[in-house]
Amino acid sequence: MRIVLSTLSGILGVPYRVFIPCVLAPAWIFPAHPTPWLVLGLTLLSIGYLAYEHGYKPKANRDPIKRPQ
């Protein structure tokens, strides 16, 4: 995609201040290596699942704390 953008911008005479951000934008939106994003997504899903299962889910049959009188 960057090759096509570079060719068209050269033919059309696009200034560098416009060309450089436009070339960097596809690199951020479509990373060449999706593995880090996949690992990050799976990690966040795992943390969310564990937080739900062990922290935020209501506990059934929980006895109230008995205070001395």
Protein backbone atom coordinates (compact mmCIF):
# COMPACT_ATOMS: atom_id res chain seq x y z
CA MET A 1 0.00 0.00 0.00
CA ARG A 2 2.86 2.38 0.75
CA ILE A 3 4.32 1.78 -2.71
CA VAL A 4 1.07 2.77 -4.39
CA LEU A 5 0.73 5.86 -2.18
CA SER A 6 4.33 6.86 -2.86
CA THR A 7 3.90 6.52 -6.62
CA LEU A 8 0.64 8.45 -6.75
CA SER A 9 1.87 11.21 -4.46
CA GLY A 10 5.01 11.62 -6.57
CA ILE A 11 2.98 11.85 -9.78
CA LEU A 12 0.49 14.30 -8.25
CA GLY A 13 3.18 16.41 -6.52
CA VAL A 14 1.89 16.00 -2.96
CA PRO A 15 4.00 18.02 -0.48
CA TYR A 16 6.06 16.12 2.13
CA ARG A 17 4.11 17.61 5.06
CA VAL A 18 1.01 15.81 3.72
CA PHE A 19 2.74 12.73 2.33
CA ILE A 20 4.63 11.61 5.46
CA PRO A 21 1.61 11.51 7.85
CA CYS A 22 -0.44 9.72 5.20
CA VAL A 23 2.22 7.04 4.79
CA LEU A 24 2.56 6.60 8.56
CA ALA A 25 -1.21 6.28 9.07
CA PRO A 26 -1.56 2.95 7.16
CA ALA A 27 1.44 1.61 9.08
CA TRP A 28 -0.42 2.24 12.37
CA ILE A 29 -3.81 1.05 11.15
CA PHE A 30 -2.52 -2.05 9.34
CA PRO A 31 0.57 -3.25 11.23
CA ALA A 32 2.93 -5.54 9.34
CA HIS A 33 3.09 -7.97 12.26
CA PRO A 34 -0.28 -8.50 13.96
CA THR A 35 1.20 -10.92 16.52
CA PRO A 36 1.81 -8.27 19.24
CA TRP A 37 -1.77 -7.02 18.88
CA LEU A 38 -3.07 -10.57 19.06
CA VAL A 39 -1.05 -11.27 22.20
CA LEU A 40 -2.22 -8.01 23.78
CA GLY A 41 -5.87 -8.77 22.95
CA LEU A 42 -5.68 -12.31 24.34
CA THR A 43 -3.96 -11.04 27.49
CA LEU A 44 -6.67 -8.44 28.08
CA LEU A 45 -9.41 -10.99 27.48
CA SER A 46 -7.76 -13.39 29.93
CA ILE A 47 -7.42 -10.70 32.60
CA GLY A 48 -11.05 -9.70 32.11
CA TYR A 49 -12.22 -13.30 32.37
CA LEU A 50 -10.19 -13.94 35.53
CA ALA A 51 -11.36 -10.68 37.10
CA TYR A 52 -14.96 -11.64 36.39
CA GLU A 53 -14.61 -15.18 37.67
CA HIS A 54 -12.66 -14.34 40.82
CA GLY A 55 -13.51 -10.80 41.72
CA TYR A 56 -16.64 -9.29 40.30
CA LYS A 57 -19.01 -12.25 40.28
CA PRO A 58 -21.38 -12.28 43.27
CA LYS A 59 -20.63 -15.02 45.76
CA ALA A 60 -23.55 -17.35 46.48
CA ASN A 61 -24.39 -18.47 50.02
CA ARG A 62 -22.18 -15.92 51.69
CA ASP A 63 -22.65 -15.65 55.45
CA PRO A 64 -22.73 -12.15 56.92
CA ILE A 65 -19.94 -11.21 59.32
CA LYS A 66 -20.97 -11.85 62.92
CA ARG A 67 -19.86 -9.09 65.24
CA PRO A 68 -19.40 -9.62 68.96
CA GLN A 69 -22.11 -8.01 71.07
